[in-house]
Protein backbone atom coordinates (compact mmCIF):
# COMPACT_ATOMS: atom_id res chain seq x y z
CA MET A 1 -25.61 -20.06 1.60
CA LYS A 2 -24.92 -21.57 -1.81
CA LYS A 3 -21.71 -23.45 -2.32
CA LEU A 4 -19.41 -20.92 -3.99
CA LEU A 5 -16.35 -22.98 -4.80
CA THR A 6 -15.26 -26.44 -3.82
CA SER A 7 -12.14 -26.73 -1.68
CA ALA A 8 -10.29 -28.33 -4.57
CA LEU A 9 -11.17 -25.49 -6.91
CA LEU A 10 -10.18 -22.91 -4.33
CA ALA A 11 -6.84 -24.61 -3.97
CA LEU A 12 -6.27 -24.03 -7.68
CA THR A 13 -7.65 -20.52 -8.06
CA VAL A 14 -6.96 -18.55 -4.88
CA VAL A 15 -4.10 -16.07 -5.09
CA THR A 16 -2.85 -13.68 -2.46
CA SER A 17 -3.32 -9.95 -2.36
CA ALA A 18 0.46 -9.66 -2.23
CA GLN A 19 0.46 -10.96 -5.79
CA LEU A 20 -2.62 -11.03 -8.01
CA GLY A 21 -5.10 -11.79 -5.26
CA ALA A 22 -7.02 -8.63 -5.70
CA GLU A 23 -9.50 -9.05 -8.51
CA VAL A 24 -11.79 -6.87 -10.60
CA ILE A 25 -14.87 -9.03 -11.02
CA GLY A 26 -17.00 -8.18 -14.04
CA SER A 27 -17.25 -4.45 -14.76
CA ASP A 28 -15.07 -2.08 -12.74
CA GLU A 29 -17.36 -0.36 -10.22
CA ARG A 30 -14.73 1.59 -8.27
CA SER A 31 -15.03 5.37 -7.89
CA HIS A 32 -12.16 7.85 -7.60
CA VAL A 33 -12.14 9.63 -4.23
CA VAL A 34 -11.36 13.23 -5.15
CA SER A 35 -11.95 14.74 -1.69
CA THR A 36 -9.72 12.58 0.49
CA HIS A 37 -9.80 15.27 3.20
CA VAL A 38 -13.38 14.23 4.02
CA TYR A 39 -14.13 11.53 6.61
CA PRO A 40 -13.96 8.51 6.40
CA TYR A 41 -11.51 8.78 3.49
CA ARG A 42 -9.01 10.87 5.46
CA ALA A 43 -8.77 8.06 8.05
CA ILE A 44 -7.61 5.73 5.26
CA GLY A 45 -4.10 6.14 3.96
CA LEU A 46 -1.21 4.87 1.91
CA ILE A 47 1.55 2.71 3.33
CA GLN A 48 4.85 2.70 1.48
CA ALA A 49 7.69 0.36 2.41
CA ASP A 50 10.61 -0.33 0.08
CA LYS A 51 9.07 -0.32 -3.41
CA ALA A 52 5.64 -1.64 -2.39
CA THR A 53 2.47 0.25 -1.54
CA CYS A 54 -0.48 -0.87 0.56
CA THR A 55 -3.53 0.52 2.31
CA ALA A 56 -4.02 1.06 6.05
CA THR A 57 -6.71 2.55 8.27
CA LEU A 58 -6.43 4.57 11.47
CA ILE A 59 -8.00 2.86 14.49
CA ASP A 60 -6.89 5.58 16.91
CA LYS A 61 -4.56 8.59 16.77
CA THR A 62 -1.34 6.55 16.78
CA HIS A 63 -2.19 3.13 15.28
CA VAL A 64 -3.28 1.72 11.93
CA VAL A 65 -4.45 -1.74 10.96
CA THR A 66 -3.09 -3.28 7.77
CA ALA A 67 -1.92 -6.60 6.31
CA ALA A 68 1.21 -8.20 7.76
CA HIS A 69 2.68 -8.73 4.29
CA CYS A 70 2.62 -4.95 3.79
CA LEU A 71 5.39 -4.73 6.40
CA PHE A 72 7.10 -8.13 6.00
CA ASP A 73 8.34 -9.24 2.58
CA VAL A 74 6.86 -12.69 2.02
CA GLN A 75 7.74 -12.80 -1.68
CA GLU A 76 11.48 -12.25 -1.98
CA ASN A 77 13.91 -11.81 0.91
CA LYS A 78 11.61 -12.90 3.78
CA GLN A 79 12.64 -9.91 5.89
CA TRP A 80 10.98 -6.87 7.39
CA LYS A 81 10.57 -4.07 4.88
CA ARG A 82 12.56 -0.87 5.29
CA ASN A 83 11.42 2.68 6.02
CA PRO A 84 7.66 2.11 6.19
CA TYR A 85 5.53 5.21 6.50
CA PHE A 86 1.84 6.13 6.45
CA ILE A 87 0.13 9.07 4.70
CA PRO A 88 -3.54 9.55 5.67
CA GLY A 89 -5.75 10.84 2.87
CA LYS A 90 -2.96 10.64 0.29
CA ASN A 91 -4.26 12.02 -2.99
CA GLY A 92 -2.11 11.37 -6.04
CA SER A 93 1.14 13.23 -6.57
CA ALA A 94 0.25 15.94 -4.04
CA HIS A 95 1.79 15.70 -0.60
CA GLY A 96 -0.39 14.20 2.07
CA PRO A 97 -2.93 16.76 3.32
CA PHE A 98 -2.39 15.65 6.92
CA GLY A 99 1.33 14.94 6.97
CA VAL A 100 3.59 11.90 6.72
CA TYR A 101 4.11 9.49 9.61
CA GLN A 102 6.86 6.97 10.10
CA ILE A 103 5.83 3.51 11.24
CA LYS A 104 8.05 2.80 14.21
CA ARG A 105 6.68 -0.53 15.45
CA ALA A 106 4.53 -3.42 14.22
CA TYR A 107 2.61 -6.16 16.03
CA VAL A 108 2.03 -9.38 14.09
CA ASP A 109 1.45 -13.07 14.74
CA LYS A 110 4.61 -15.19 15.00
CA ARG A 111 2.91 -18.01 13.13
CA TYR A 112 2.42 -15.86 10.04
CA ILE A 113 6.11 -14.94 9.90
CA ARG A 114 7.11 -18.55 10.56
CA GLN A 115 4.93 -19.87 7.74
CA ALA A 116 5.97 -17.09 5.35
CA LYS A 117 9.67 -17.88 5.83
CA LYS A 118 9.05 -21.51 4.87
CA LEU A 119 7.28 -20.61 1.63
CA LYS A 120 9.40 -20.78 -1.51
CA PRO A 121 9.51 -17.48 -3.44
CA VAL A 122 8.22 -19.18 -6.60
CA ALA A 123 5.00 -20.08 -4.82
CA LEU A 124 4.06 -16.40 -4.62
CA ALA A 125 5.90 -15.10 -7.66
CA LYS A 126 4.39 -17.62 -10.07
CA TYR A 127 1.60 -19.94 -9.04
CA ASN A 128 1.57 -23.35 -10.69
CA ALA A 129 0.39 -26.89 -10.02
CA GLN A 130 3.76 -27.99 -8.62
CA SER A 131 3.60 -25.39 -5.87
CA ASN A 132 -0.06 -26.13 -5.13
CA ALA A 133 0.45 -28.16 -1.94
CA GLU A 134 2.83 -25.69 -0.31
CA PHE A 135 0.86 -22.66 -1.45
CA HIS A 136 -2.47 -24.07 -0.28
CA SER A 137 -0.89 -24.93 3.06
CA PHE A 138 0.24 -21.31 3.41
CA LEU A 139 -3.30 -20.14 2.66
CA THR A 140 -4.97 -22.41 5.17
CA ASP A 141 -2.36 -22.08 7.93
CA ALA A 142 -1.29 -18.46 7.78
CA LEU A 143 -3.35 -16.17 5.59
CA ASP A 144 -6.02 -15.56 8.22
CA LEU A 145 -3.11 -14.28 10.35
CA ASP A 146 -2.07 -11.77 7.67
CA ILE A 147 -2.96 -8.83 9.92
CA ALA A 148 -0.78 -6.23 11.63
CA ILE A 149 -1.17 -3.30 13.97
CA ALA A 150 1.36 -0.57 13.17
CA GLU A 151 2.32 2.19 15.61
CA LEU A 152 3.07 5.67 14.23
CA ASP A 153 5.91 7.90 15.36
CA ARG A 154 3.48 10.58 16.61
CA PRO A 155 -0.29 11.17 16.91
CA VAL A 156 -2.27 12.35 13.91
CA ALA A 157 -4.44 15.44 14.21
CA LYS A 158 -7.64 14.82 16.18
CA ARG A 159 -9.82 16.12 13.33
CA ILE A 160 -8.71 13.30 11.02
CA GLY A 161 -10.69 10.75 13.00
CA PHE A 162 -10.44 6.98 12.91
CA MET A 163 -12.54 3.82 12.59
CA GLU A 164 -13.35 1.65 15.55
CA LEU A 165 -13.02 -2.10 15.18
CA LYS A 166 -16.39 -3.80 15.42
CA THR A 167 -17.09 -7.44 16.14
CA VAL A 168 -18.99 -9.15 13.38
CA ASP A 169 -20.48 -12.62 13.06
CA GLN A 170 -22.86 -14.37 10.72
CA LYS A 171 -25.94 -12.86 12.38
CA SER A 172 -24.67 -9.28 12.68
CA LEU A 173 -23.06 -8.96 9.24
CA ALA A 174 -24.41 -5.99 7.29
CA PRO A 175 -25.68 -6.76 3.77
CA TYR A 176 -23.23 -4.27 2.22
CA ILE A 177 -19.59 -3.45 2.93
CA HIS A 178 -17.34 -0.63 1.74
CA LEU A 179 -13.75 -1.04 0.58
CA THR A 180 -11.44 1.95 0.04
CA GLY A 181 -7.74 2.06 -0.75
CA TYR A 182 -4.91 2.63 -3.20
CA PRO A 183 -5.14 0.15 -6.12
CA SER A 184 -2.01 -0.17 -8.24
CA ASP A 185 -3.96 -0.37 -11.50
CA LYS A 186 -5.07 3.27 -11.10
CA THR A 187 -3.13 6.55 -11.21
CA LEU A 188 -0.23 6.46 -8.75
CA HIS A 189 -1.24 7.02 -5.11
CA THR A 190 -4.87 7.88 -5.86
CA GLN A 191 -7.63 6.64 -3.57
CA TRP A 192 -10.58 4.62 -4.87
CA THR A 193 -13.69 3.29 -3.18
CA THR A 194 -16.45 0.79 -3.84
CA HIS A 195 -19.24 -1.02 -2.03
CA CYS A 196 -20.88 -4.36 -2.61
CA GLN A 197 -22.94 -7.11 -1.10
CA SER A 198 -21.23 -9.39 1.38
CA SER A 199 -22.06 -12.78 2.84
CA TRP A 200 -20.67 -15.20 5.39
CA ASP A 201 -18.84 -18.37 4.39
CA GLU A 202 -17.83 -20.84 7.08
CA ASP A 203 -17.68 -24.00 4.98
CA HIS A 204 -15.96 -23.44 1.66
CA SER A 205 -13.28 -20.84 2.24
CA PRO A 206 -9.76 -22.18 2.91
CA MET A 207 -9.46 -19.67 5.77
CA GLY A 208 -12.53 -20.77 7.74
CA ASP A 209 -15.06 -18.08 8.70
CA THR A 210 -14.74 -15.46 5.99
CA LEU A 211 -16.53 -12.45 4.54
CA VAL A 212 -17.22 -13.18 0.88
CA HIS A 213 -17.77 -10.23 -1.44
CA LYS A 214 -17.45 -9.03 -5.02
CA CYS A 215 -16.00 -5.58 -4.36
CA ASP A 216 -13.47 -4.79 -7.09
CA THR A 217 -9.89 -4.66 -5.86
CA SER A 218 -6.31 -4.88 -7.13
CA PRO A 219 -2.78 -5.04 -5.66
CA GLY A 220 -2.22 -1.99 -3.48
CA MET A 221 -5.54 -2.62 -1.74
CA SER A 222 -3.82 -5.08 0.58
CA GLY A 223 -4.48 -4.02 4.15
CA ALA A 224 -7.73 -2.21 3.36
CA VAL A 225 -10.53 -2.73 5.86
CA ALA A 226 -14.02 -3.83 5.00
CA TYR A 227 -16.18 -1.24 6.75
CA VAL A 228 -19.85 -0.49 7.30
CA LYS A 229 -21.99 2.50 8.20
CA ASP A 230 -24.04 1.57 11.24
CA PHE A 231 -27.37 2.82 12.56
CA ASP A 232 -25.59 5.58 14.50
CA ASP A 233 -24.20 6.95 11.18
CA LYS A 234 -20.66 6.02 12.24
CA TYR A 235 -18.25 3.94 10.19
CA TYR A 236 -16.83 0.75 11.68
CA ALA A 237 -14.13 -1.63 10.42
CA VAL A 238 -15.47 -5.20 10.40
CA GLY A 239 -12.75 -7.09 8.53
CA LEU A 240 -9.50 -6.93 6.57
CA PHE A 241 -9.13 -7.61 2.86
CA SER A 242 -7.16 -10.81 2.39
CA VAL A 243 -7.46 -12.80 -0.85
CA GLY A 244 -9.33 -13.04 -4.13
CA THR A 245 -10.37 -15.54 -6.76
CA MET A 246 -11.66 -15.15 -10.29
CA SER A 247 -15.24 -15.04 -8.98
CA HIS A 248 -15.11 -13.77 -5.38
CA ASN A 249 -12.92 -11.75 -3.03
CA PHE A 250 -12.50 -12.45 0.67
CA ALA A 251 -11.96 -10.52 3.90
CA THR A 252 -10.98 -11.82 7.31
CA PRO A 253 -13.76 -10.83 9.75
CA PHE A 254 -13.03 -9.20 13.09
CA ASP A 255 -14.64 -11.78 15.34
CA ASN A 256 -14.55 -11.18 19.08
CA ASN A 257 -11.22 -12.95 19.65
CA LEU A 258 -9.44 -11.18 16.80
CA ARG A 259 -10.88 -7.79 17.73
CA GLU A 260 -9.76 -8.16 21.35
CA ARG A 261 -6.30 -9.22 20.22
CA LEU A 262 -5.91 -6.24 17.88
CA ILE A 263 -7.07 -3.85 20.61
CA GLY A 264 -4.55 -5.48 22.94
CA TRP A 265 -1.77 -4.94 20.41
CA LYS A 266 -2.54 -1.25 20.04
CA ASN A 267 -2.44 -0.99 23.83
CA GLY A 268 0.95 -2.73 23.92
CA ILE A 269 -0.38 -6.04 25.25
CA GLU A 270 1.38 -9.11 23.85
CA ASP A 271 0.43 -12.77 24.02
CA ASP A 272 2.76 -15.74 23.54
CA GLN A 273 2.18 -15.71 19.75
CA THR A 274 2.89 -11.99 19.30
CA MET A 275 5.94 -10.70 17.46
CA VAL A 276 6.89 -7.04 17.87
CA HIS A 277 9.27 -5.46 15.38
CA SER A 278 10.81 -1.98 15.67
CA PHE A 279 11.79 -0.29 12.40
CA GLN A 280 14.99 1.65 11.80
CA HIS A 281 14.48 4.55 9.42
CA GLU A 282 17.07 5.95 7.06
CA LYS A 283 18.18 9.54 7.57
CA TYR A 284 17.75 10.71 3.99
CA HIS A 285 15.18 11.09 1.22
CA ASN A 286 14.99 8.65 -1.68
CA VAL A 287 13.94 10.67 -4.73
CA HIS A 288 11.73 9.11 -7.41
CA LEU A 289 10.81 10.65 -10.77
CA VAL A 290 7.42 9.76 -12.22
CA ASN A 291 6.41 10.07 -15.87
CA GLU A 292 2.63 10.53 -15.97
CA CYS A 293 2.61 10.93 -19.75
CA ARG A 294 1.84 8.18 -22.24
CA PHE A 295 5.12 8.65 -24.08
CA PRO A 296 8.77 8.36 -22.91
CA VAL A 297 10.65 11.31 -21.43
CA TYR A 298 14.33 11.85 -20.65
CA ALA A 299 14.99 13.31 -17.21
CA ALA A 300 17.94 14.72 -15.29
CA ILE A 301 18.39 15.67 -11.65
CA ASN A 302 20.87 17.86 -9.78
CA TYR A 303 21.11 17.04 -6.07
CA LYS A 304 23.45 16.95 -3.08
CA ASN A 305 24.53 13.35 -2.55
CA LEU A 306 25.16 11.68 0.79
CA ASN A 307 28.83 12.73 0.60
CA GLY A 308 27.76 16.38 0.57
CA GLU A 309 28.59 16.93 -3.12
CA TRP A 310 26.25 18.51 -5.67
CA VAL A 311 26.06 16.17 -8.67
CA THR A 312 24.03 16.00 -11.87
CA SER A 313 22.64 12.70 -13.13
CA GLY A 314 21.12 12.32 -16.60
CA TRP A 315 19.78 11.17 -18.88
CA ARG A 316 17.28 8.77 -17.36
CA GLN A 317 14.65 7.42 -19.74
CA LEU A 318 11.22 7.07 -18.18
CA ASP A 319 8.63 5.18 -20.19
CA GLY A 320 5.00 6.24 -20.06
CA GLY A 321 3.64 5.72 -16.54
CA GLU A 322 7.04 4.67 -15.16
CA SER A 323 8.32 5.62 -11.71
CA ALA A 324 12.05 5.29 -11.01
CA TYR A 325 14.37 5.88 -8.05
CA VAL A 326 17.11 8.34 -9.08
CA ALA A 327 18.85 9.79 -6.01
CA SER A 328 19.30 9.88 -2.24
CA THR A 329 19.75 13.20 -0.46
CA LYS A 330 19.48 14.88 2.94
CA GLU A 331 18.75 18.26 1.37
CA LYS A 332 15.34 19.91 1.39
CA ALA A 333 15.56 20.71 -2.33
CA PHE A 334 16.79 19.30 -5.64
CA TYR A 335 16.62 20.43 -9.29
CA VAL A 336 15.11 18.69 -12.31
CA TYR A 337 14.83 18.97 -16.07
CA ALA A 338 13.05 16.69 -18.54
CA LYS A 339 12.16 16.55 -22.21
CA SER A 340 10.02 14.27 -24.33
CA ALA A 341 11.63 11.62 -26.50
CA GLY A 342 9.69 12.67 -29.60
CA ASP A 343 6.31 13.92 -30.75
CA PRO A 344 4.72 15.66 -29.03
CA ILE A 345 7.75 17.77 -28.12
CA MET A 346 7.50 18.80 -24.48
CA GLU A 347 9.97 20.23 -21.99
CA TRP A 348 9.93 20.57 -18.21
CA THR A 349 12.41 23.33 -17.45
CA GLY A 350 13.10 26.21 -15.09
CA SER A 351 15.40 29.13 -14.33
CA ASP A 352 16.43 28.22 -10.80
CA LYS A 353 19.74 26.66 -11.83
CA VAL A 354 21.77 26.02 -15.00
CA GLU A 355 23.72 22.78 -15.34
CA LYS A 356 25.43 20.78 -18.06
CA ILE A 357 23.64 17.51 -18.78
CA GLY A 358 24.92 14.59 -20.80
CA SER A 359 28.29 13.02 -21.51
CA SER A 360 31.25 15.41 -21.40
CA LYS A 361 31.61 15.37 -25.19
CA HIS A 362 27.96 16.17 -25.92
CA ALA A 363 26.95 17.97 -22.73
CA LYS A 364 24.71 21.03 -23.07
CA LYS A 365 23.47 23.60 -20.60
CA TYR A 366 19.85 23.40 -19.47
CA GLY A 367 17.69 25.39 -17.08
CA LEU A 368 16.53 23.34 -14.09
CA LYS A 369 13.52 23.78 -11.83
CA ARG A 370 13.91 23.75 -8.06
CA VAL A 371 11.80 21.16 -6.24
CA LYS A 372 11.27 21.82 -2.55
CA VAL A 373 11.03 18.89 -0.14
CA ASP A 374 8.67 19.92 2.63
CA TYR A 375 8.26 16.60 4.40
CA GLU A 376 9.05 16.98 8.08
CA ILE A 377 10.64 13.51 8.22
CA TYR A 378 12.86 11.55 5.86
CA THR A 379 10.62 9.70 3.42
CA PRO A 380 10.62 8.74 -0.26
CA VAL A 381 9.90 11.80 -2.41
CA TYR A 382 8.07 11.67 -5.74
CA HIS A 383 8.29 14.33 -8.44
CA ASN A 384 5.85 14.00 -11.32
CA PHE A 385 6.20 15.08 -14.94
CA ASN A 386 2.61 15.77 -16.04
CA CYS A 387 1.33 16.19 -19.58
């Protein structure tokens, strides 16, 4: 194949999918998946851990494949992320059509964690020439290991389906691949898909054998699989999205060795380079309020705190498109009120409860709307204010 980028140029332009590594190349050719309840889109879901979101794909009823950095924080505290969960077929602000699943265990490569812990935070937070040597070393030594198998707390419904992992090499690579996930530059928690030509690069990628493609991506797509539709009309995962440049994006192919290792992990088989981490999940909901309008709104919430007391918190300004954590509760319901900051004048109110909001001197009574939490497990909860 033609020489895409020299090694020196790659060292200067490659960024990780944990940061800006996902790239829209040329015009944006992604399509919004409206019917996420249809296969294969229902086998692809959202991972949320701490404040970050990623993409993952079911490979059987109890395991998903994703990127290791979706579960281990390589940018800031170099620790395992808290309370990770998976929602297959997540579709915007609506609850997952197939339920919410806690991630209870992850299988990763020890070498990836070891290399990530050595990397200075500035190397990922802000790429510059001074961090080039260390950053490029991380790319070449560890990024092809940025893969994890995550075990769910219970099986998903059989009808959801999953994607089998398929071995791919230079001769068997299909001319087109599909990429589907949850890009952060689109409406919160919406699924988008695209397809594009792919090729094999074994000479000029810093990761070695690599799938090179121009499928449009962005942060949030980390952990998405590159998949193909084979002659039997079935979908197969052939690689995992890893990094991007200004001109090309890359995926780590599932060669025979990697495929066998991932299958071993999902069957509980460890080798001497395997690290297994068990997650401890909090026993309460973290409530987030989301402003889906273009203008600021002021919001208030009435909830039972972790001490068992009903409290009212307000006002919280939410700028257009902003999502903010506001409360933690064990209750299956809370109450909200919001109003716009100016023109157009809008109000999100209800008659389920009346509470005083504001400082004691200027507090006024407002009608609040009850929001039911119907998740069967403790997970972050998002309530949207729509225009």
